[in-house]
Amino acid sequence: MEAKVGHLTMYGAKWCPDAKRARKFLDDRGIKYEWHDIDEEEGAREFVIKVNGRFVIPTLLLPDGSKMTEPSNEELSNKFGV
């Protein structure tokens, strides 16, 4: 599993409150992203562990190649300038 370069990708789960909040933040601002549910997509959970060295969601892979884990709304706002 590889993240697309130049593309915002989020790994999370429907049951995760932080993932729900981050998705709502992005959706409310019209920020497009590719969603991967770690419970529904084979290999997604393992990919998150590989990227972070541990299991932590949501994990966002950003177009510039950086990543964010469990970002607050303030951190998302600062990163995306909204």
C-alpha atoms as a PDB file:
ATOM      1  CA  MET A   1       0.000   0.000   0.000  1.00  0.00           C
ATOM      2  CA  GLU A   2       1.455   3.348  -1.031  1.00  0.00           C
ATOM      3  CA  ALA A   3       0.175   6.878  -0.556  1.00  0.00           C
ATOM      4  CA  LYS A   4      -0.165   8.963  -3.703  1.00  0.00           C
ATOM      5  CA  VAL A   5       2.359  11.778  -3.932  1.00  0.00           C
ATOM      6  CA  GLY A   6       0.698  15.196  -4.150  1.00  0.00           C
ATOM      7  CA  HIS A   7      -2.464  13.811  -2.609  1.00  0.00           C
ATOM      8  CA  LEU A   8      -3.927  14.090   0.909  1.00  0.00           C
ATOM      9  CA  THR A   9      -4.619  10.658   2.377  1.00  0.00           C
ATOM     10  CA  MET A  10      -6.202   9.842   5.734  1.00  0.00           C
ATOM     11  CA  TYR A  11      -6.118   6.522   7.575  1.00  0.00           C
ATOM     12  CA  GLY A  12      -8.631   6.033  10.353  1.00  0.00           C
ATOM     13  CA  ALA A  13     -11.700   4.145  11.524  1.00  0.00           C
ATOM     14  CA  LYS A  14     -15.390   4.995  11.745  1.00  0.00           C
ATOM     15  CA  TRP A  15     -15.339   4.346  15.513  1.00  0.00           C
ATOM     16  CA  CYS A  16     -12.432   6.746  16.179  1.00  0.00           C
ATOM     17  CA  PRO A  17     -13.570  10.140  17.549  1.00  0.00           C
ATOM     18  CA  ASP A  18     -10.387  11.884  16.358  1.00  0.00           C
ATOM     19  CA  ALA A  19     -10.817  10.508  12.840  1.00  0.00           C
ATOM     20  CA  LYS A  20     -14.471  11.621  12.809  1.00  0.00           C
ATOM     21  CA  ARG A  21     -13.475  15.107  13.944  1.00  0.00           C
ATOM     22  CA  ALA A  22     -10.644  15.408  11.403  1.00  0.00           C
ATOM     23  CA  ARG A  23     -12.898  14.212   8.573  1.00  0.00           C
ATOM     24  CA  LYS A  24     -15.588  16.704   9.562  1.00  0.00           C
ATOM     25  CA  PHE A  25     -13.011  19.496   9.668  1.00  0.00           C
ATOM     26  CA  LEU A  26     -11.761  18.674   6.169  1.00  0.00           C
ATOM     27  CA  ASP A  27     -15.250  18.045   4.759  1.00  0.00           C
ATOM     28  CA  ASP A  28     -16.628  21.305   6.175  1.00  0.00           C
ATOM     29  CA  ARG A  29     -13.835  23.224   4.432  1.00  0.00           C
ATOM     30  CA  GLY A  30     -14.037  21.368   1.129  1.00  0.00           C
ATOM     31  CA  ILE A  31     -10.552  19.891   1.504  1.00  0.00           C
ATOM     32  CA  LYS A  32     -10.367  16.760  -0.633  1.00  0.00           C
ATOM     33  CA  TYR A  33      -8.708  13.637   0.720  1.00  0.00           C
ATOM     34  CA  GLU A  34      -8.587   9.916   0.131  1.00  0.00           C
ATOM     35  CA  TRP A  35     -10.048   7.908   3.041  1.00  0.00           C
ATOM     36  CA  HIS A  36      -8.746   4.498   4.124  1.00  0.00           C
ATOM     37  CA  ASP A  37     -10.639   2.662   6.880  1.00  0.00           C
ATOM     38  CA  ILE A  38      -8.211   0.480   8.812  1.00  0.00           C
ATOM     39  CA  ASP A  39     -11.017  -1.950   9.714  1.00  0.00           C
ATOM     40  CA  GLU A  40     -12.310  -2.391   6.171  1.00  0.00           C
ATOM     41  CA  GLU A  41      -9.237  -2.212   3.967  1.00  0.00           C
ATOM     42  CA  GLU A  42      -6.788  -5.065   3.998  1.00  0.00           C
ATOM     43  CA  GLY A  43      -3.288  -3.922   4.880  1.00  0.00           C
ATOM     44  CA  ALA A  44      -4.336  -0.427   6.037  1.00  0.00           C
ATOM     45  CA  ARG A  45      -3.717  -1.080   9.753  1.00  0.00           C
ATOM     46  CA  GLU A  46      -0.297  -2.571   9.016  1.00  0.00           C
ATOM     47  CA  PHE A  47       0.529   0.406   6.785  1.00  0.00           C
ATOM     48  CA  VAL A  48      -0.285   2.839   9.616  1.00  0.00           C
ATOM     49  CA  ILE A  49       2.010   0.907  11.963  1.00  0.00           C
ATOM     50  CA  LYS A  50       4.771   0.865   9.335  1.00  0.00           C
ATOM     51  CA  VAL A  51       4.506   4.629   8.712  1.00  0.00           C
ATOM     52  CA  ASN A  52       4.367   5.601  12.403  1.00  0.00           C
ATOM     53  CA  GLY A  53       6.261   2.818  14.126  1.00  0.00           C
ATOM     54  CA  ARG A  54       3.096   2.228  16.169  1.00  0.00           C
ATOM     55  CA  PHE A  55      -0.672   2.171  15.727  1.00  0.00           C
ATOM     56  CA  VAL A  56      -2.083   5.702  15.814  1.00  0.00           C
ATOM     57  CA  ILE A  57      -5.104   7.129  13.986  1.00  0.00           C
ATOM     58  CA  PRO A  58      -5.981   9.254  12.325  1.00  0.00           C
ATOM     59  CA  THR A  59      -2.806   9.363  10.305  1.00  0.00           C
ATOM     60  CA  LEU A  60      -2.730  11.939   7.513  1.00  0.00           C
ATOM     61  CA  LEU A  61      -0.193  11.724   4.725  1.00  0.00           C
ATOM     62  CA  LEU A  62       0.165  15.168   3.204  1.00  0.00           C
ATOM     63  CA  PRO A  63       0.885  16.188  -0.387  1.00  0.00           C
ATOM     64  CA  ASP A  64       4.296  17.573   0.614  1.00  0.00           C
ATOM     65  CA  GLY A  65       5.367  14.138   1.915  1.00  0.00           C
ATOM     66  CA  SER A  66       4.958  14.985   5.597  1.00  0.00           C
ATOM     67  CA  LYS A  67       2.507  13.324   7.957  1.00  0.00           C
ATOM     68  CA  MET A  68       0.269  14.273  10.862  1.00  0.00           C
ATOM     69  CA  THR A  69      -1.024  11.946  13.552  1.00  0.00           C
ATOM     70  CA  GLU A  70      -4.035  12.750  15.702  1.00  0.00           C
ATOM     71  CA  PRO A  71      -3.954  16.395  14.590  1.00  0.00           C
ATOM     72  CA  SER A  72      -6.115  18.907  16.445  1.00  0.00           C
ATOM     73  CA  ASN A  73      -8.423  21.218  14.528  1.00  0.00           C
ATOM     74  CA  GLU A  74      -5.971  24.031  15.249  1.00  0.00           C
ATOM     75  CA  GLU A  75      -3.095  22.024  13.767  1.00  0.00           C
ATOM     76  CA  LEU A  76      -5.194  21.213  10.693  1.00  0.00           C
ATOM     77  CA  SER A  77      -6.190  24.862  10.339  1.00  0.00           C
ATOM     78  CA  ASN A  78      -2.565  25.990  10.523  1.00  0.00           C
ATOM     79  CA  LYS A  79      -1.409  23.343   8.058  1.00  0.00           C
ATOM     80  CA  PHE A  80      -4.091  24.082   5.468  1.00  0.00           C
ATOM     81  CA  GLY A  81      -4.409  27.820   6.081  1.00  0.00           C
ATOM     82  CA  VAL A  82      -8.141  27.698   6.798  1.00  0.00           C
END
